[in-house]
């Protein structure tokens, strides 16, 4: 049973990354290339710093990808069943959190850009 945990965790991360990529692709179609948009994972909760569209999406897609890859490696290197289970539980808890964080950021960014009139129809 423990031998299946890495594959279930991989499947979950694949689903999350597919959802992130899908929502990002749909949003990129509406955002012109020259728009400076709010960056994800801002250090403070107030006004978000802005950056180029491509940099914002690179951060929003790259962060969960890197965390997922790190957890994949840690899971494969786990020496005991307890460690393997712990890494699996961390993967299953963090994957949906990244998806929710991405959707929340994208929703807020699109709402801000729409209020400014910067989106395509």
N, C-alpha and C. Protein backbone atom coordinates (compact mmCIF):
# COMPACT_ATOMS: atom_id res chain seq x y z
N UNK A 1 0.81 -1.20 0.00
CA UNK A 1 0.00 0.00 0.00
C UNK A 1 0.86 1.26 0.00
N UNK A 2 1.93 1.26 0.80
CA UNK A 2 2.79 2.44 0.85
C UNK A 2 3.50 2.68 -0.46
N UNK A 3 3.65 1.66 -1.28
CA UNK A 3 4.29 1.82 -2.57
C UNK A 3 3.46 2.65 -3.54
N UNK A 4 2.15 2.74 -3.30
CA UNK A 4 1.26 3.51 -4.17
C UNK A 4 1.21 4.99 -3.80
N UNK A 5 1.60 5.34 -2.59
CA UNK A 5 1.48 6.73 -2.14
C UNK A 5 2.20 7.73 -3.04
N UNK A 6 3.41 7.46 -3.47
CA UNK A 6 4.06 8.45 -4.36
C UNK A 6 3.27 8.68 -5.64
N UNK A 7 2.66 7.64 -6.18
CA UNK A 7 1.91 7.77 -7.43
C UNK A 7 0.61 8.53 -7.23
N UNK A 8 -0.03 8.31 -6.11
CA UNK A 8 -1.25 9.06 -5.81
C UNK A 8 -0.90 10.54 -5.60
N UNK A 9 0.19 10.80 -4.90
CA UNK A 9 0.64 12.18 -4.71
C UNK A 9 1.01 12.84 -6.03
N UNK A 10 1.67 12.09 -6.92
CA UNK A 10 2.00 12.62 -8.24
C UNK A 10 0.74 12.96 -9.02
N UNK A 11 -0.23 12.07 -8.97
CA UNK A 11 -1.49 12.31 -9.68
C UNK A 11 -2.20 13.54 -9.18
N UNK A 12 -2.19 13.74 -7.88
CA UNK A 12 -2.83 14.93 -7.31
C UNK A 12 -2.12 16.20 -7.77
N UNK A 13 -0.78 16.20 -7.74
CA UNK A 13 -0.03 17.38 -8.20
C UNK A 13 -0.24 17.63 -9.69
N UNK A 14 -0.36 16.56 -10.48
CA UNK A 14 -0.63 16.73 -11.91
C UNK A 14 -1.97 17.40 -12.12
N UNK A 15 -2.98 16.97 -11.36
CA UNK A 15 -4.31 17.60 -11.47
C UNK A 15 -4.26 19.07 -11.07
N UNK A 16 -3.56 19.37 -10.00
CA UNK A 16 -3.46 20.76 -9.54
C UNK A 16 -2.71 21.61 -10.56
N UNK A 17 -1.61 21.11 -11.08
CA UNK A 17 -0.86 21.89 -12.07
C UNK A 17 -1.65 22.05 -13.36
N UNK A 18 -2.46 21.06 -13.71
CA UNK A 18 -3.32 21.19 -14.89
C UNK A 18 -4.38 22.27 -14.66
N UNK A 19 -4.95 22.33 -13.46
CA UNK A 19 -5.93 23.37 -13.16
C UNK A 19 -5.27 24.75 -13.18
N UNK A 20 -4.09 24.86 -12.62
CA UNK A 20 -3.38 26.13 -12.62
C UNK A 20 -3.04 26.55 -14.06
N UNK A 21 -2.57 25.62 -14.86
CA UNK A 21 -2.23 25.94 -16.25
C UNK A 21 -3.46 26.32 -17.05
N UNK A 22 -4.56 25.63 -16.82
CA UNK A 22 -5.79 25.91 -17.54
C UNK A 22 -6.33 27.30 -17.23
N UNK A 23 -6.40 27.63 -15.95
CA UNK A 23 -6.90 28.96 -15.58
C UNK A 23 -5.94 30.06 -16.03
N UNK A 24 -4.65 29.78 -15.99
CA UNK A 24 -3.67 30.77 -16.44
C UNK A 24 -3.79 31.00 -17.94
N UNK A 25 -3.98 29.95 -18.69
CA UNK A 25 -4.10 30.08 -20.14
C UNK A 25 -5.34 30.90 -20.51
N UNK A 26 -6.44 30.64 -19.82
CA UNK A 26 -7.65 31.41 -20.10
C UNK A 26 -7.46 32.88 -19.74
N UNK A 27 -6.77 33.14 -18.65
CA UNK A 27 -6.55 34.53 -18.24
C UNK A 27 -5.57 35.24 -19.17
N UNK A 28 -4.55 34.53 -19.63
CA UNK A 28 -3.57 35.13 -20.53
C UNK A 28 -4.21 35.59 -21.84
N UNK A 29 -5.26 34.91 -22.26
CA UNK A 29 -5.95 35.31 -23.48
C UNK A 29 -6.65 36.65 -23.33
N UNK A 30 -6.99 37.02 -22.10
CA UNK A 30 -7.70 38.27 -21.85
C UNK A 30 -6.79 39.43 -21.47
N UNK A 31 -5.55 39.14 -21.11
CA UNK A 31 -4.65 40.19 -20.60
C UNK A 31 -3.65 40.55 -21.69
N UNK A 32 -3.62 41.81 -22.12
CA UNK A 32 -2.62 42.22 -23.12
C UNK A 32 -1.20 42.08 -22.57
N UNK A 33 -0.26 41.89 -23.46
CA UNK A 33 1.12 41.62 -23.08
C UNK A 33 1.77 42.77 -22.33
N UNK A 34 1.40 44.00 -22.60
CA UNK A 34 2.07 45.15 -21.99
C UNK A 34 1.48 45.58 -20.65
N UNK A 35 0.48 44.87 -20.16
CA UNK A 35 -0.17 45.23 -18.89
C UNK A 35 0.72 44.83 -17.72
N UNK A 36 0.85 45.74 -16.78
CA UNK A 36 1.54 45.41 -15.52
C UNK A 36 0.47 44.97 -14.54
N UNK A 37 0.60 43.77 -14.06
CA UNK A 37 -0.45 43.22 -13.21
C UNK A 37 0.05 42.92 -11.80
N UNK A 38 -0.88 42.82 -10.84
CA UNK A 38 -0.47 42.52 -9.47
C UNK A 38 0.27 41.18 -9.39
N UNK A 39 1.36 41.18 -8.66
CA UNK A 39 2.16 39.96 -8.53
C UNK A 39 1.57 39.03 -7.47
N UNK A 40 1.68 37.74 -7.69
CA UNK A 40 1.22 36.80 -6.66
C UNK A 40 2.24 36.73 -5.52
N UNK A 41 1.81 36.20 -4.41
CA UNK A 41 2.68 35.98 -3.26
C UNK A 41 3.36 37.27 -2.82
N UNK A 42 2.58 38.34 -2.75
CA UNK A 42 3.12 39.64 -2.33
C UNK A 42 3.50 39.58 -0.85
N UNK A 43 4.55 40.30 -0.46
CA UNK A 43 5.01 40.24 0.93
C UNK A 43 4.07 40.90 1.93
N UNK A 44 3.22 41.81 1.46
CA UNK A 44 2.29 42.46 2.39
C UNK A 44 0.88 42.38 1.82
N UNK A 45 -0.09 42.45 2.69
CA UNK A 45 -1.47 42.23 2.28
C UNK A 45 -2.12 43.46 1.66
N UNK A 46 -1.52 44.62 1.77
CA UNK A 46 -2.12 45.84 1.24
C UNK A 46 -2.08 45.88 -0.27
N UNK A 47 -1.62 46.96 -0.80
CA UNK A 47 -1.52 47.12 -2.24
C UNK A 47 -0.40 46.22 -2.76
N UNK A 48 -0.73 45.41 -3.73
CA UNK A 48 0.26 44.48 -4.27
C UNK A 48 1.18 45.18 -5.26
N UNK A 49 2.45 44.83 -5.23
CA UNK A 49 3.35 45.38 -6.25
C UNK A 49 2.97 44.83 -7.62
N UNK A 50 3.31 45.56 -8.65
CA UNK A 50 2.96 45.14 -10.00
C UNK A 50 4.22 44.81 -10.78
N UNK A 51 4.03 43.95 -11.74
CA UNK A 51 5.13 43.55 -12.59
C UNK A 51 4.63 43.17 -13.96
N UNK A 52 5.53 42.80 -14.84
CA UNK A 52 5.12 42.38 -16.17
C UNK A 52 4.22 41.14 -16.10
N UNK A 53 3.34 41.04 -17.07
CA UNK A 53 2.38 39.93 -17.10
C UNK A 53 3.10 38.58 -17.08
N UNK A 54 4.12 38.43 -17.90
CA UNK A 54 4.81 37.15 -17.99
C UNK A 54 5.53 36.78 -16.69
N UNK A 55 6.09 37.77 -16.01
CA UNK A 55 6.75 37.51 -14.73
C UNK A 55 5.75 37.09 -13.67
N UNK A 56 4.58 37.72 -13.66
CA UNK A 56 3.55 37.37 -12.68
C UNK A 56 3.10 35.93 -12.87
N UNK A 57 2.87 35.54 -14.12
CA UNK A 57 2.44 34.16 -14.36
C UNK A 57 3.56 33.16 -14.15
N UNK A 58 4.80 33.56 -14.41
CA UNK A 58 5.92 32.67 -14.13
C UNK A 58 6.03 32.38 -12.63
N UNK A 59 5.80 33.41 -11.82
CA UNK A 59 5.82 33.20 -10.36
C UNK A 59 4.64 32.33 -9.93
N UNK A 60 3.47 32.61 -10.48
CA UNK A 60 2.27 31.89 -10.06
C UNK A 60 2.30 30.42 -10.48
N UNK A 61 2.96 30.12 -11.57
CA UNK A 61 3.04 28.73 -12.01
C UNK A 61 4.31 28.06 -11.48
N UNK A 62 5.38 28.82 -11.39
CA UNK A 62 6.66 28.27 -10.97
C UNK A 62 6.73 27.87 -9.51
N UNK A 63 6.11 28.65 -8.64
CA UNK A 63 6.17 28.34 -7.20
C UNK A 63 5.55 26.98 -6.88
N UNK A 64 4.31 26.69 -7.31
CA UNK A 64 3.78 25.36 -7.00
C UNK A 64 4.54 24.24 -7.71
N UNK A 65 5.06 24.53 -8.89
CA UNK A 65 5.82 23.50 -9.61
C UNK A 65 7.08 23.14 -8.83
N UNK A 66 7.81 24.15 -8.36
CA UNK A 66 9.04 23.88 -7.61
C UNK A 66 8.76 23.18 -6.28
N UNK A 67 7.72 23.62 -5.58
CA UNK A 67 7.37 22.95 -4.32
C UNK A 67 6.95 21.51 -4.58
N UNK A 68 6.17 21.30 -5.62
CA UNK A 68 5.75 19.94 -5.96
C UNK A 68 6.92 19.05 -6.32
N UNK A 69 7.87 19.57 -7.08
CA UNK A 69 9.05 18.78 -7.43
C UNK A 69 9.91 18.47 -6.21
N UNK A 70 10.05 19.45 -5.31
CA UNK A 70 10.82 19.21 -4.09
C UNK A 70 10.16 18.13 -3.24
N UNK A 71 8.84 18.21 -3.09
CA UNK A 71 8.15 17.19 -2.31
C UNK A 71 8.20 15.83 -2.99
N UNK A 72 8.19 15.80 -4.31
CA UNK A 72 8.32 14.54 -5.04
C UNK A 72 9.67 13.90 -4.73
N UNK A 73 10.73 14.71 -4.77
CA UNK A 73 12.07 14.18 -4.49
C UNK A 73 12.17 13.71 -3.04
N UNK A 74 11.66 14.50 -2.10
CA UNK A 74 11.70 14.09 -0.69
C UNK A 74 10.91 12.80 -0.48
N UNK A 75 9.79 12.66 -1.16
CA UNK A 75 8.99 11.45 -1.03
C UNK A 75 9.70 10.23 -1.57
N UNK A 76 10.42 10.40 -2.67
CA UNK A 76 11.14 9.26 -3.26
C UNK A 76 12.36 8.88 -2.40
N UNK A 77 12.91 9.85 -1.68
CA UNK A 77 14.09 9.58 -0.86
C UNK A 77 13.74 9.16 0.57
N UNK A 78 12.47 9.10 0.90
CA UNK A 78 12.06 8.72 2.26
C UNK A 78 12.57 7.32 2.58
N UNK A 79 13.20 7.19 3.73
CA UNK A 79 13.82 5.92 4.12
C UNK A 79 12.87 4.99 4.87
N UNK A 80 11.92 5.57 5.59
CA UNK A 80 11.01 4.74 6.40
C UNK A 80 9.57 4.96 5.94
N UNK A 81 8.69 4.02 6.24
CA UNK A 81 7.28 4.19 5.89
C UNK A 81 6.65 5.41 6.57
N UNK A 82 7.11 5.74 7.78
CA UNK A 82 6.57 6.91 8.48
C UNK A 82 6.90 8.20 7.72
N UNK A 83 8.13 8.30 7.25
CA UNK A 83 8.53 9.49 6.49
C UNK A 83 7.78 9.56 5.15
N UNK A 84 7.61 8.41 4.51
CA UNK A 84 6.88 8.38 3.24
C UNK A 84 5.44 8.83 3.45
N UNK A 85 4.82 8.38 4.52
CA UNK A 85 3.44 8.78 4.81
C UNK A 85 3.36 10.27 5.13
N UNK A 86 4.32 10.77 5.88
CA UNK A 86 4.33 12.18 6.23
C UNK A 86 4.47 13.06 4.98
N UNK A 87 5.38 12.69 4.09
CA UNK A 87 5.55 13.46 2.85
C UNK A 87 4.28 13.38 2.00
N UNK A 88 3.66 12.21 1.95
CA UNK A 88 2.41 12.07 1.20
C UNK A 88 1.34 13.00 1.77
N UNK A 89 1.21 13.05 3.07
CA UNK A 89 0.21 13.90 3.70
C UNK A 89 0.50 15.38 3.44
N UNK A 90 1.77 15.75 3.48
CA UNK A 90 2.13 17.14 3.18
C UNK A 90 1.78 17.46 1.73
N UNK A 91 2.06 16.54 0.82
CA UNK A 91 1.73 16.77 -0.60
C UNK A 91 0.22 16.91 -0.80
N UNK A 92 -0.55 16.04 -0.16
CA UNK A 92 -2.00 16.11 -0.36
C UNK A 92 -2.62 17.33 0.32
N UNK A 93 -1.95 17.90 1.29
CA UNK A 93 -2.47 19.10 1.94
C UNK A 93 -2.07 20.37 1.19
N UNK A 94 -0.86 20.40 0.65
CA UNK A 94 -0.39 21.63 0.01
C UNK A 94 -0.86 21.79 -1.42
N UNK A 95 -1.09 20.71 -2.13
CA UNK A 95 -1.50 20.81 -3.53
C UNK A 95 -2.79 21.62 -3.69
N UNK A 96 -3.86 21.28 -2.98
CA UNK A 96 -5.09 22.08 -3.15
C UNK A 96 -4.93 23.51 -2.64
N UNK A 97 -4.06 23.72 -1.67
CA UNK A 97 -3.83 25.09 -1.18
C UNK A 97 -3.20 25.95 -2.26
N UNK A 98 -2.27 25.39 -3.02
CA UNK A 98 -1.68 26.14 -4.12
C UNK A 98 -2.73 26.44 -5.19
N UNK A 99 -3.60 25.49 -5.47
CA UNK A 99 -4.65 25.73 -6.47
C UNK A 99 -5.58 26.84 -6.00
N UNK A 100 -5.97 26.79 -4.76
CA UNK A 100 -6.85 27.84 -4.22
C UNK A 100 -6.15 29.20 -4.20
N UNK A 101 -4.90 29.23 -3.82
CA UNK A 101 -4.15 30.48 -3.80
C UNK A 101 -4.04 31.06 -5.21
N UNK A 102 -3.81 30.20 -6.19
CA UNK A 102 -3.69 30.66 -7.57
C UNK A 102 -5.02 31.23 -8.06
N UNK A 103 -6.09 30.53 -7.80
CA UNK A 103 -7.40 31.01 -8.25
C UNK A 103 -7.78 32.30 -7.56
N UNK A 104 -7.47 32.41 -6.28
CA UNK A 104 -7.78 33.65 -5.55
C UNK A 104 -6.96 34.81 -6.09
N UNK A 105 -5.66 34.58 -6.35
CA UNK A 105 -4.83 35.64 -6.93
C UNK A 105 -5.32 36.05 -8.30
N UNK A 106 -5.63 35.06 -9.12
CA UNK A 106 -6.06 35.34 -10.48
C UNK A 106 -7.40 36.08 -10.49
N UNK A 107 -8.29 35.68 -9.64
CA UNK A 107 -9.58 36.36 -9.55
C UNK A 107 -9.41 37.82 -9.13
N UNK A 108 -8.59 38.06 -8.12
CA UNK A 108 -8.34 39.42 -7.67
C UNK A 108 -7.63 40.25 -8.72
N UNK A 109 -6.64 39.66 -9.39
CA UNK A 109 -5.90 40.38 -10.42
C UNK A 109 -6.81 40.72 -11.60
N UNK A 110 -7.63 39.78 -12.02
CA UNK A 110 -8.55 40.05 -13.13
C UNK A 110 -9.59 41.10 -12.76
N UNK A 111 -10.05 41.04 -11.53
CA UNK A 111 -11.02 42.05 -11.08
C UNK A 111 -10.38 43.44 -11.08
N UNK A 112 -9.15 43.54 -10.59
CA UNK A 112 -8.44 44.82 -10.58
C UNK A 112 -8.22 45.33 -12.00
N UNK A 113 -7.76 44.45 -12.89
CA UNK A 113 -7.51 44.86 -14.27
C UNK A 113 -8.80 45.22 -14.99
N UNK A 114 -9.88 44.54 -14.66
CA UNK A 114 -11.16 44.87 -15.28
C UNK A 114 -11.65 46.22 -14.82
N UNK A 115 -11.47 46.53 -13.54
CA UNK A 115 -11.85 47.86 -13.03
C UNK A 115 -11.06 48.96 -13.71
N UNK A 116 -9.82 48.66 -14.07
CA UNK A 116 -8.96 49.64 -14.74
C UNK A 116 -9.20 49.69 -16.24
N UNK A 117 -9.99 48.76 -16.77
CA UNK A 117 -10.26 48.71 -18.20
C UNK A 117 -9.11 48.17 -19.02
N UNK A 118 -8.28 47.34 -18.42
CA UNK A 118 -7.09 46.85 -19.09
C UNK A 118 -7.27 45.47 -19.74
N UNK A 119 -8.45 44.87 -19.63
CA UNK A 119 -8.67 43.52 -20.18
C UNK A 119 -9.28 43.59 -21.57
N UNK A 120 -8.97 42.55 -22.35
CA UNK A 120 -9.63 42.37 -23.63
C UNK A 120 -10.99 41.71 -23.39
N UNK A 121 -11.88 41.89 -24.30
CA UNK A 121 -13.21 41.27 -24.19
C UNK A 121 -13.17 39.81 -24.50
